[in-house]
Amino acid sequence: MGETPISAAVRERMDAWLAKGLKHFIDGKFVDSASGETFSVPNPATGQELTRCALGGKEEIDLAVKAARRAFKTWGRMAPAERGKLLRRWAQLMIEHKDELNYLECMDVGRPIREGIHGYIERVAHNIQFFADLSEKYYDEAFVLPGYTFYTNRQPVGVAGLITPWNMPQMLSTWKIGPALAAGNTVVLKPAELTPVGCTRLAELAAEAGIPDGVFNVVHGFGPDSAGAFLTQHPDVQLISFTGETTTGKVIMAAGAPTLKRVSFELGGKGNNIVFADADLEKAMDVTMRAAFYNQGEVCLAGSRVFVEKPIYDQFVDMLVARVKALRMGDPLDMETTLGPVISAEHRERVMGFVERAKAQGVECLTGGHLAQGLPAPYDGGYFIAPTVFAAPDPSVELVQEEVFGPVVSVTPFTDDEWVLEVINSGRYGLSSVVQGKDISRLHRMAQRLQSGNVWINSWFVRDLRVPFGGMKDSGIGREGGMHSLDFYTELQTIGLPTA
């Protein structure tokens, strides 16, 4: 193994922890499934088993929801400052154990350590810290009439069911846990079955921080006909927040409809990257590479389809191909590794299906387009795909229209702004876009006309927790971030009283 910032002591300690297997965290205790069943969790970088995890179902979800319901009676009435003190202690423990959490994320997801070592766990902790602070600062309103006054009162809603994805499990889980708990709700978290590791360690730290029993629960398992389905159907769960694929979001909405569950969905995306002829090519290339290949392209915001203005198209493509060929695959813990594996063998086949169908349709593959080759053991058994670039002058092809969620990018030339807007806005997704160039007026005109919930100018994936985040069309319902999150996790009550 090459240079790594994770010490041998941390690796050995966490490897021993993984060898014990993972359990559910229900009512402040780690428990096995009633059935005794477990499932295998692979290391995507090697294809070998990383650990085994308890397989939950209806019984475990019911136990967790009942525990959360009991805990809500106390947690929901606690002063925000009291809740905040405990949540901030939890966040501090995350920082104190950041090397462990970074290591587990690399093992769980395959993310190169160089992407996470500077700030990832700090961001995971900040998700908790920020909402602990914000919950103490939001205010109610009063409306005074002659002889009568109305005032508002925010109340926590109840038990929040959180279902989180596998691509950034710790960050995207705490993104939901933070506002849910800070607002006074209790939580049942169902992490993705492919990446249960980091969230289990976070549960241990929650117990160490003194989070009361039942306030935060974790149940492991699958989605359809398993833990995820039972959580969305449970009559004592009032809210469902889900990040994941659009089709699954529709299923969850239908499952929660009989009990009128409140829902917040961040769903699929097909991120756009528009590069105008006046762009600074070196800076535009930096943004493009990060947007397309960060976390192996397994990001809902990934700028996987690039539209380049015709005068610079050939130069841009040549630069992009050269940069992509220089990406290095291998051990995620090696600081020289710049591209990790995709999450699973099944997902590898899905991504390669897009690649092969694009080739069959005559889309020109400029580099990549195959599984990784020549990696040393044990990484030759991992789920690596060679980073791939397609030249796609016809934007109607599947590769340009559908979410691939892997290290695959398409590049399409354009000459007319209206044409690009039509191509993008006629699609079913509307999560994110990037526009790059030097004409500020043109950039803002384009940004404001794009049907994207998030648009970055000459940058990508710059996030501030005060800022609303979410998608349009098939990319989601609702917004997360700042007061938008607290609005979702609270019930706004109006109280009126005569004053004369």
Protein backbone atom coordinates (compact mmCIF):
# COMPACT_ATOMS: atom_id res chain seq x y z
CA MET A 1 0.00 0.00 0.00
CA GLY A 2 1.21 3.52 -0.80
CA GLU A 3 1.14 6.56 1.45
CA THR A 4 -2.00 6.83 3.59
CA PRO A 5 -2.96 9.28 6.33
CA ILE A 6 -4.77 6.56 8.30
CA SER A 7 -2.50 4.98 10.92
CA ALA A 8 -1.95 1.25 11.23
CA ALA A 9 -3.43 1.39 14.75
CA VAL A 10 -6.70 2.86 13.48
CA ARG A 11 -6.90 0.33 10.64
CA GLU A 12 -6.28 -2.59 12.98
CA ARG A 13 -8.83 -1.35 15.51
CA MET A 14 -11.53 -0.82 12.91
CA ASP A 15 -10.78 -4.12 11.16
CA ALA A 16 -11.30 -5.90 14.49
CA TRP A 17 -14.53 -3.94 14.96
CA LEU A 18 -15.76 -4.96 11.50
CA ALA A 19 -14.89 -8.61 12.18
CA LYS A 20 -17.48 -8.68 14.98
CA GLY A 21 -20.30 -7.86 12.55
CA LEU A 22 -22.90 -5.10 12.68
CA LYS A 23 -26.12 -5.02 14.68
CA HIS A 24 -29.22 -2.84 14.81
CA PHE A 25 -29.25 0.04 17.28
CA ILE A 26 -32.69 0.09 18.92
CA ASP A 27 -33.68 1.87 22.13
CA GLY A 28 -30.07 2.54 23.08
CA LYS A 29 -28.87 -1.05 22.62
CA PHE A 30 -27.18 -3.01 19.87
CA VAL A 31 -29.32 -6.04 19.04
CA ASP A 32 -29.38 -8.92 16.59
CA SER A 33 -32.34 -9.60 14.36
CA ALA A 34 -35.06 -11.72 15.91
CA SER A 35 -34.59 -14.20 13.05
CA GLY A 36 -30.83 -14.32 13.59
CA GLU A 37 -30.36 -13.64 9.87
CA THR A 38 -27.45 -11.58 8.55
CA PHE A 39 -26.28 -10.43 5.14
CA SER A 40 -22.84 -9.93 3.61
CA VAL A 41 -21.43 -6.44 3.04
CA PRO A 42 -18.70 -6.40 0.36
CA ASN A 43 -15.66 -4.18 0.14
CA PRO A 44 -16.17 -2.63 -3.33
CA ALA A 45 -12.44 -2.15 -3.84
CA THR A 46 -11.68 -5.88 -3.53
CA GLY A 47 -14.99 -7.67 -3.96
CA GLN A 48 -14.27 -9.53 -0.72
CA GLU A 49 -16.57 -9.57 2.30
CA LEU A 50 -16.02 -6.56 4.53
CA THR A 51 -18.37 -7.57 7.34
CA ARG A 52 -21.72 -9.16 8.05
CA CYS A 53 -24.76 -7.18 9.13
CA ALA A 54 -27.97 -8.07 10.95
CA LEU A 55 -30.91 -8.34 8.54
CA GLY A 56 -33.90 -6.41 9.83
CA GLY A 57 -37.54 -6.63 8.88
CA LYS A 58 -40.99 -5.84 10.21
CA GLU A 59 -40.25 -6.82 13.83
CA GLU A 60 -37.12 -4.70 14.11
CA ILE A 61 -38.80 -1.69 12.50
CA ASP A 62 -41.75 -2.02 14.86
CA LEU A 63 -39.46 -2.21 17.90
CA ALA A 64 -37.50 0.84 16.73
CA VAL A 65 -40.64 2.89 16.01
CA LYS A 66 -42.12 2.05 19.39
CA ALA A 67 -38.86 3.04 21.08
CA ALA A 68 -38.82 6.29 19.13
CA ARG A 69 -42.45 6.98 20.02
CA ARG A 70 -41.73 6.53 23.74
CA ALA A 71 -38.63 8.70 23.58
CA PHE A 72 -40.50 11.43 21.70
CA LYS A 73 -42.62 12.17 24.77
CA THR A 74 -39.51 13.46 26.53
CA TRP A 75 -37.19 14.52 23.71
CA GLY A 76 -39.91 16.54 21.95
CA ARG A 77 -40.61 18.56 25.13
CA MET A 78 -36.96 19.17 25.93
CA ALA A 79 -35.72 22.74 25.52
CA PRO A 80 -33.76 23.27 22.29
CA ALA A 81 -30.69 24.25 24.32
CA GLU A 82 -30.77 20.92 26.18
CA ARG A 83 -31.09 18.95 22.95
CA GLY A 84 -28.39 21.11 21.39
CA LYS A 85 -25.92 20.35 24.17
CA LEU A 86 -26.22 16.60 23.55
CA LEU A 87 -26.11 16.96 19.78
CA ARG A 88 -23.01 19.13 19.93
CA ARG A 89 -21.32 16.53 22.11
CA TRP A 90 -22.15 13.90 19.48
CA ALA A 91 -20.67 16.12 16.75
CA GLN A 92 -17.52 16.60 18.80
CA LEU A 93 -17.08 12.84 19.16
CA MET A 94 -17.28 12.51 15.38
CA ILE A 95 -14.36 14.91 15.07
CA GLU A 96 -12.41 13.07 17.75
CA HIS A 97 -12.91 9.80 15.84
CA LYS A 98 -12.61 11.23 12.33
CA ASP A 99 -9.78 8.91 11.25
CA GLU A 100 -11.93 5.90 12.15
CA LEU A 101 -14.94 7.32 10.33
CA ASN A 102 -12.86 8.21 7.26
CA TYR A 103 -11.41 4.71 7.18
CA LEU A 104 -14.84 3.11 7.45
CA GLU A 105 -16.18 5.31 4.63
CA CYS A 106 -13.31 4.20 2.38
CA MET A 107 -13.98 0.55 3.17
CA ASP A 108 -17.75 0.93 2.90
CA VAL A 109 -17.97 3.01 -0.29
CA GLY A 110 -14.56 2.73 -1.97
CA ARG A 111 -14.11 6.51 -1.93
CA PRO A 112 -10.45 7.53 -2.37
CA ILE A 113 -9.10 8.80 0.95
CA ARG A 114 -7.72 11.91 -0.75
CA GLU A 115 -11.33 13.04 -1.38
CA GLY A 116 -12.35 12.67 2.24
CA ILE A 117 -9.36 13.29 4.43
CA HIS A 118 -9.65 17.08 4.29
CA GLY A 119 -13.08 18.01 5.54
CA TYR A 120 -15.49 15.12 4.91
CA ILE A 121 -16.00 14.02 8.52
CA GLU A 122 -15.84 17.64 9.62
CA ARG A 123 -18.83 18.16 7.32
CA VAL A 124 -20.57 15.09 8.75
CA ALA A 125 -20.19 16.58 12.23
CA HIS A 126 -21.16 20.06 11.03
CA ASN A 127 -24.52 18.71 9.85
CA ILE A 128 -25.33 17.93 13.49
CA GLN A 129 -23.67 21.02 15.00
CA PHE A 130 -25.32 23.47 12.58
CA PHE A 131 -28.89 22.36 13.23
CA ALA A 132 -28.30 22.12 16.97
CA ASP A 133 -27.33 25.79 16.83
CA LEU A 134 -30.10 26.82 14.42
CA SER A 135 -32.85 25.19 16.48
CA GLU A 136 -32.01 27.60 19.31
CA LYS A 137 -32.27 30.61 17.02
CA TYR A 138 -35.45 30.22 15.00
CA TYR A 139 -38.31 32.41 16.12
CA ASP A 140 -42.07 32.44 16.24
CA GLU A 141 -44.27 35.23 14.91
CA ALA A 142 -47.04 37.36 16.37
CA PHE A 143 -49.86 39.09 14.48
CA VAL A 144 -51.64 41.82 16.41
CA LEU A 145 -55.16 43.00 15.56
CA PRO A 146 -57.33 45.45 17.50
CA GLY A 147 -58.47 43.39 20.46
CA TYR A 148 -56.94 40.14 19.23
CA THR A 149 -53.50 38.57 18.82
CA PHE A 150 -52.28 35.50 16.91
CA TYR A 151 -48.95 33.85 17.53
CA THR A 152 -47.27 30.83 16.01
CA ASN A 153 -45.74 27.86 17.79
CA ARG A 154 -43.44 25.31 16.18
CA GLN A 155 -43.87 21.75 17.39
CA PRO A 156 -41.88 18.63 16.46
CA VAL A 157 -43.93 16.30 14.31
CA GLY A 158 -43.10 12.89 15.81
CA VAL A 159 -41.15 9.90 14.54
CA ALA A 160 -39.08 10.55 11.41
CA GLY A 161 -38.21 7.65 9.12
CA LEU A 162 -34.96 8.40 7.31
CA ILE A 163 -33.85 6.31 4.34
CA THR A 164 -30.39 7.19 3.07
CA PRO A 165 -28.31 6.22 0.02
CA TRP A 166 -25.02 4.37 -0.34
CA ASN A 167 -22.90 6.94 -2.14
CA MET A 168 -22.13 9.28 0.81
CA PRO A 169 -23.70 7.43 3.72
CA GLN A 170 -22.37 9.36 6.69
CA MET A 171 -22.79 12.85 5.23
CA LEU A 172 -26.24 12.27 3.74
CA SER A 173 -27.48 10.56 6.90
CA THR A 174 -26.43 13.35 9.26
CA TRP A 175 -27.82 15.87 6.78
CA LYS A 176 -31.24 14.47 7.76
CA ILE A 177 -30.55 13.37 11.35
CA GLY A 178 -29.35 16.86 12.34
CA PRO A 179 -32.54 18.84 11.64
CA ALA A 180 -34.84 15.96 12.62
CA LEU A 181 -33.38 15.61 16.11
CA ALA A 182 -32.68 19.32 16.64
CA ALA A 183 -36.35 20.09 15.96
CA GLY A 184 -37.40 17.57 18.64
CA ASN A 185 -38.37 14.58 16.55
CA THR A 186 -37.03 11.09 17.14
CA VAL A 187 -35.49 9.03 14.35
CA VAL A 188 -35.48 5.57 12.83
CA LEU A 189 -32.69 5.45 10.24
CA LYS A 190 -32.57 2.78 7.55
CA PRO A 191 -29.15 3.10 5.87
CA ALA A 192 -28.52 1.62 2.45
CA GLU A 193 -27.82 -2.11 2.75
CA LEU A 194 -24.66 -1.70 0.69
CA THR A 195 -23.12 0.77 3.16
CA PRO A 196 -24.28 0.11 6.74
CA VAL A 197 -20.86 0.47 8.35
CA GLY A 198 -20.37 4.18 9.04
CA CYS A 199 -23.90 4.72 10.34
CA THR A 200 -23.44 1.91 12.85
CA ARG A 201 -20.30 3.58 14.20
CA LEU A 202 -22.20 6.89 14.38
CA ALA A 203 -24.81 5.12 16.53
CA GLU A 204 -22.08 4.01 18.94
CA LEU A 205 -20.92 7.60 19.23
CA ALA A 206 -24.51 8.77 19.80
CA ALA A 207 -24.75 6.45 22.80
CA GLU A 208 -21.40 7.69 24.08
CA ALA A 209 -22.59 11.29 23.71
CA GLY A 210 -25.57 10.60 25.95
CA ILE A 211 -28.32 10.80 23.33
CA PRO A 212 -31.27 9.28 25.27
CA ASP A 213 -32.41 5.75 24.53
CA GLY A 214 -34.88 5.58 21.65
CA VAL A 215 -34.17 9.04 20.28
CA PHE A 216 -31.92 7.71 17.51
CA ASN A 217 -32.38 4.19 16.15
CA VAL A 218 -30.75 2.33 13.25
CA VAL A 219 -32.33 -0.68 11.54
CA HIS A 220 -30.41 -2.45 8.80
CA GLY A 221 -31.99 -4.29 5.91
CA PHE A 222 -33.20 -4.03 2.36
CA GLY A 223 -35.88 -1.89 0.75
CA PRO A 224 -38.74 -3.71 -1.02
CA ASP A 225 -40.60 -6.19 1.21
CA SER A 226 -38.07 -5.56 3.98
CA ALA A 227 -37.04 -2.92 6.52
CA GLY A 228 -37.39 0.03 4.15
CA ALA A 229 -40.92 -0.89 3.08
CA PHE A 230 -42.09 -1.52 6.65
CA LEU A 231 -40.67 1.83 7.77
CA THR A 232 -42.54 3.75 5.06
CA GLN A 233 -45.80 1.92 5.83
CA HIS A 234 -45.67 2.10 9.63
CA PRO A 235 -48.67 4.05 10.99
CA ASP A 236 -46.64 5.59 13.84
CA VAL A 237 -44.09 7.20 11.50
CA GLN A 238 -45.17 10.73 10.60
CA LEU A 239 -42.36 11.82 8.27
CA ILE A 240 -40.28 10.13 5.61
CA SER A 241 -37.15 11.73 4.21
CA PHE A 242 -35.55 9.78 1.38
CA THR A 243 -32.55 10.33 -0.84
CA GLY A 244 -32.20 7.90 -3.70
CA GLU A 245 -33.50 6.79 -7.07
CA THR A 246 -36.66 8.32 -8.56
CA THR A 247 -38.58 5.06 -9.04
CA THR A 248 -38.03 4.13 -5.40
CA GLY A 249 -39.26 7.57 -4.35
CA LYS A 250 -42.55 6.96 -6.16
CA VAL A 251 -42.95 3.63 -4.37
CA ILE A 252 -42.27 5.25 -0.99
CA MET A 253 -44.81 8.00 -1.67
CA ALA A 254 -47.46 5.43 -2.52
CA ALA A 255 -46.65 3.39 0.60
CA GLY A 256 -47.01 6.44 2.85
CA ALA A 257 -50.18 7.75 1.24
CA PRO A 258 -52.69 5.75 3.37
CA THR A 259 -51.34 7.40 6.53
CA LEU A 260 -50.71 10.82 4.88
CA LYS A 261 -47.04 10.85 5.72
CA ARG A 262 -45.13 14.05 5.17
CA VAL A 263 -42.38 13.40 2.59
CA SER A 264 -39.15 15.06 1.48
CA PHE A 265 -37.41 13.48 -1.50
CA GLU A 266 -34.06 14.16 -3.14
CA LEU A 267 -34.13 11.87 -6.15
CA GLY A 268 -32.23 11.14 -9.34
CA GLY A 269 -30.47 13.65 -11.50
CA LYS A 270 -28.73 14.17 -14.79
CA GLY A 271 -26.36 17.01 -14.07
CA ASN A 272 -25.49 19.48 -16.80
CA ASN A 273 -22.20 21.29 -17.38
CA ILE A 274 -22.41 24.09 -19.95
CA VAL A 275 -19.06 25.49 -21.07
CA PHE A 276 -19.09 28.68 -23.13
CA ALA A 277 -16.35 29.61 -25.57
CA ASP A 278 -15.04 32.42 -23.35
CA ALA A 279 -14.44 30.11 -20.37
CA ASP A 280 -11.01 29.81 -18.80
CA LEU A 281 -10.24 26.33 -20.13
CA GLU A 282 -7.93 25.22 -17.32
CA LYS A 283 -10.39 26.27 -14.62
CA ALA A 284 -13.30 24.83 -16.58
CA MET A 285 -11.43 21.54 -16.86
CA ASP A 286 -10.84 21.44 -13.10
CA VAL A 287 -14.56 21.97 -12.47
CA THR A 288 -15.52 19.44 -15.14
CA MET A 289 -13.25 16.69 -13.78
CA ARG A 290 -14.49 17.15 -10.23
CA ALA A 291 -18.13 17.32 -11.30
CA ALA A 292 -17.87 14.21 -13.47
CA PHE A 293 -15.59 11.92 -11.47
CA TYR A 294 -15.83 12.90 -7.80
CA ASN A 295 -16.82 9.80 -5.81
CA GLN A 296 -16.53 7.75 -9.03
CA GLY A 297 -19.37 9.77 -10.55
CA GLU A 298 -21.72 8.22 -8.00
CA VAL A 299 -23.24 11.57 -7.09
CA CYS A 300 -26.76 12.72 -7.89
CA LEU A 301 -25.29 16.12 -8.78
CA ALA A 302 -22.61 14.68 -11.08
CA GLY A 303 -22.01 16.83 -14.16
CA SER A 304 -22.10 13.77 -16.37
CA ARG A 305 -23.27 15.51 -19.52
CA VAL A 306 -21.15 18.36 -20.80
CA PHE A 307 -22.29 20.84 -23.43
CA VAL A 308 -19.37 22.73 -24.99
CA GLU A 309 -19.70 25.72 -27.31
CA LYS A 310 -18.44 24.78 -30.76
CA PRO A 311 -15.39 27.11 -31.08
CA ILE A 312 -13.60 25.40 -28.18
CA TYR A 313 -15.13 21.92 -28.50
CA ASP A 314 -12.14 20.11 -30.05
CA GLN A 315 -9.63 21.65 -27.67
CA PHE A 316 -11.85 20.95 -24.69
CA VAL A 317 -12.32 17.30 -25.66
CA ASP A 318 -8.59 16.77 -26.13
CA MET A 319 -7.88 18.24 -22.70
CA LEU A 320 -10.64 16.21 -21.07
CA VAL A 321 -9.45 12.91 -22.55
CA ALA A 322 -5.88 13.59 -21.42
CA ARG A 323 -7.04 14.37 -17.87
CA VAL A 324 -9.25 11.27 -17.73
CA LYS A 325 -6.46 9.00 -18.92
CA ALA A 326 -4.32 10.28 -16.05
CA LEU A 327 -6.79 9.17 -13.37
CA ARG A 328 -5.37 6.41 -11.17
CA MET A 329 -7.42 3.50 -9.83
CA GLY A 330 -6.53 1.15 -6.97
CA ASP A 331 -6.34 1.09 -3.19
CA PRO A 332 -8.75 3.77 -1.86
CA LEU A 333 -6.45 4.34 1.13
CA ASP A 334 -3.53 5.30 -1.12
CA MET A 335 -3.23 9.08 -1.46
CA GLU A 336 -2.20 8.57 -5.11
CA THR A 337 -5.54 6.92 -5.99
CA THR A 338 -7.84 9.37 -7.74
CA LEU A 339 -10.72 7.08 -8.79
CA GLY A 340 -12.33 4.36 -6.72
CA PRO A 341 -14.60 1.44 -7.59
CA VAL A 342 -18.34 1.62 -8.11
CA ILE A 343 -20.37 0.30 -5.21
CA SER A 344 -21.21 -3.28 -6.21
CA ALA A 345 -20.98 -5.94 -8.88
CA GLU A 346 -24.65 -5.34 -9.72
CA HIS A 347 -24.12 -1.60 -10.12
CA ARG A 348 -21.01 -2.23 -12.22
CA GLU A 349 -23.15 -4.25 -14.62
CA ARG A 350 -25.76 -1.50 -14.69
CA VAL A 351 -23.18 1.17 -15.58
CA MET A 352 -21.53 -1.05 -18.18
CA GLY A 353 -24.96 -1.66 -19.68
CA PHE A 354 -25.21 2.06 -20.47
CA VAL A 355 -21.71 1.97 -21.95
CA GLU A 356 -22.36 -1.02 -24.18
CA ARG A 357 -25.72 0.26 -25.38
CA ALA A 358 -24.15 3.62 -26.25
CA LYS A 359 -21.50 1.86 -28.33
CA ALA A 360 -24.17 -0.22 -30.05
CA GLN A 361 -26.03 3.01 -30.92
CA GLY A 362 -22.88 4.35 -32.59
CA VAL A 363 -21.89 6.86 -29.89
CA GLU A 364 -18.13 7.37 -30.14
CA CYS A 365 -16.14 6.28 -27.11
CA LEU A 366 -13.05 8.49 -26.80
CA THR A 367 -11.45 6.72 -23.85
CA GLY A 368 -12.36 3.99 -21.40
CA GLY A 369 -15.55 2.09 -22.10
CA HIS A 370 -14.38 -1.11 -20.38
CA LEU A 371 -13.67 -2.60 -16.98
CA ALA A 372 -10.43 -1.60 -15.30
CA GLN A 373 -7.42 -3.61 -16.42
CA GLY A 374 -4.09 -4.50 -14.87
CA LEU A 375 -4.87 -3.71 -11.23
CA PRO A 376 -2.83 -5.67 -8.68
CA ALA A 377 -4.38 -8.10 -6.21
CA PRO A 378 -6.65 -7.75 -4.31
CA TYR A 379 -7.99 -4.80 -6.30
CA ASP A 380 -8.27 -6.88 -9.45
CA GLY A 381 -11.36 -8.36 -7.80
CA GLY A 382 -12.91 -4.95 -7.11
CA TYR A 383 -15.69 -3.21 -8.97
CA PHE A 384 -13.56 -0.80 -10.99
CA ILE A 385 -14.63 0.71 -14.31
CA ALA A 386 -12.17 2.60 -16.49
CA PRO A 387 -13.19 6.29 -16.55
CA THR A 388 -15.03 6.85 -19.80
CA VAL A 389 -15.70 9.75 -22.16
CA PHE A 390 -18.17 9.65 -25.06
CA ALA A 391 -18.56 12.20 -27.86
CA ALA A 392 -22.34 12.51 -28.18
CA PRO A 393 -23.42 15.06 -30.80
CA ASP A 394 -26.97 13.66 -30.62
CA PRO A 395 -28.32 14.50 -27.12
CA SER A 396 -31.38 12.28 -27.57
CA VAL A 397 -29.44 9.06 -26.95
CA GLU A 398 -29.99 7.18 -23.68
CA LEU A 399 -26.51 7.94 -22.37
CA VAL A 400 -27.20 11.68 -22.43
CA GLN A 401 -30.77 11.45 -21.14
CA GLU A 402 -30.60 8.95 -18.27
CA GLU A 403 -28.71 8.89 -14.98
CA VAL A 404 -25.72 6.55 -15.27
CA PHE A 405 -24.29 7.13 -11.77
CA GLY A 406 -20.77 6.07 -12.57
CA PRO A 407 -17.47 7.32 -14.07
CA VAL A 408 -18.96 8.01 -17.49
CA VAL A 409 -19.33 11.41 -19.14
CA SER A 410 -20.74 12.57 -22.48
CA VAL A 411 -19.64 15.69 -24.37
CA THR A 412 -21.96 17.45 -26.82
CA PRO A 413 -21.12 20.50 -28.99
CA PHE A 414 -23.55 23.40 -29.32
CA THR A 415 -23.81 26.72 -31.14
CA ASP A 416 -27.07 28.12 -29.79
CA ASP A 417 -28.06 28.85 -26.17
CA GLU A 418 -31.75 28.26 -26.87
CA TRP A 419 -30.97 24.80 -28.22
CA VAL A 420 -29.08 23.85 -25.06
CA LEU A 421 -31.92 25.12 -22.87
CA GLU A 422 -34.43 23.10 -24.85
CA VAL A 423 -32.35 19.91 -24.57
CA ILE A 424 -31.89 20.29 -20.83
CA ASN A 425 -35.34 21.56 -19.87
CA SER A 426 -37.17 18.95 -21.94
CA GLY A 427 -35.62 16.15 -19.86
CA ARG A 428 -37.29 14.59 -16.84
CA TYR A 429 -34.63 15.52 -14.28
CA GLY A 430 -33.97 18.91 -12.74
CA LEU A 431 -31.47 18.65 -9.90
CA SER A 432 -28.25 20.46 -10.84
CA SER A 433 -26.42 22.39 -13.52
CA VAL A 434 -23.11 24.19 -13.98
CA VAL A 435 -22.52 27.13 -16.33
CA GLN A 436 -18.99 28.25 -17.09
CA GLY A 437 -17.68 31.35 -18.88
CA LYS A 438 -16.73 35.00 -18.39
CA ASP A 439 -19.83 36.85 -19.64
CA ILE A 440 -21.63 37.30 -16.31
CA SER A 441 -24.87 38.53 -17.86
CA ARG A 442 -25.02 35.51 -20.14
CA LEU A 443 -24.21 33.15 -17.27
CA HIS A 444 -27.00 34.55 -15.10
CA ARG A 445 -29.51 34.55 -17.97
CA MET A 446 -28.76 30.90 -18.62
CA ALA A 447 -28.80 29.94 -14.93
CA GLN A 448 -32.18 31.55 -14.31
CA ARG A 449 -33.79 29.79 -17.26
CA LEU A 450 -32.50 26.31 -16.44
CA GLN A 451 -35.03 24.01 -14.80
CA SER A 452 -32.55 22.94 -12.14
CA GLY A 453 -32.98 23.22 -8.41
CA ASN A 454 -29.29 24.04 -8.03
CA VAL A 455 -27.10 25.97 -10.47
CA TRP A 456 -23.41 26.72 -9.90
CA ILE A 457 -21.52 29.34 -11.91
CA ASN A 458 -17.85 28.51 -12.63
CA SER A 459 -17.93 26.01 -9.75
CA TRP A 460 -19.59 22.81 -8.59
CA PHE A 461 -21.05 21.36 -5.38
CA VAL A 462 -20.34 24.34 -3.15
CA ARG A 463 -22.72 23.85 -0.21
CA ASP A 464 -23.70 25.95 2.75
CA LEU A 465 -26.24 24.48 5.17
CA ARG A 466 -28.20 27.74 5.21
CA VAL A 467 -28.94 27.40 1.48
CA PRO A 468 -31.96 25.48 0.14
CA PHE A 469 -31.14 22.28 -1.72
CA GLY A 470 -33.43 20.11 -3.81
CA GLY A 471 -34.65 19.26 -7.28
CA MET A 472 -37.37 19.99 -9.79
CA LYS A 473 -39.48 17.54 -11.80
CA ASP A 474 -38.39 13.90 -11.28
CA SER A 475 -35.47 15.02 -9.12
CA GLY A 476 -37.44 15.50 -5.95
CA ILE A 477 -39.99 17.14 -3.70
CA GLY A 478 -39.18 19.82 -1.15
CA ARG A 479 -36.00 21.52 -0.06
CA GLU A 480 -33.39 20.75 2.58
CA GLY A 481 -31.08 23.25 4.23
CA GLY A 482 -31.43 25.90 6.93
CA MET A 483 -34.98 26.84 7.85
CA HIS A 484 -36.27 24.78 4.93
CA SER A 485 -35.19 21.65 6.81
CA LEU A 486 -36.71 22.84 10.08
CA ASP A 487 -39.95 23.71 8.27
CA PHE A 488 -40.20 20.07 7.17
CA TYR A 489 -39.43 18.65 10.60
CA THR A 490 -41.81 20.92 12.53
CA GLU A 491 -45.56 21.47 12.61
CA LEU A 492 -46.53 25.15 12.59
CA GLN A 493 -49.40 25.85 14.97
CA THR A 494 -51.36 29.13 15.13
CA ILE A 495 -52.85 30.24 18.43
CA GLY A 496 -55.28 33.15 18.71
CA LEU A 497 -56.45 34.97 21.81
CA PRO A 498 -58.56 38.06 22.56
CA THR A 499 -56.62 40.89 24.17
CA ALA A 500 -59.46 43.31 24.88
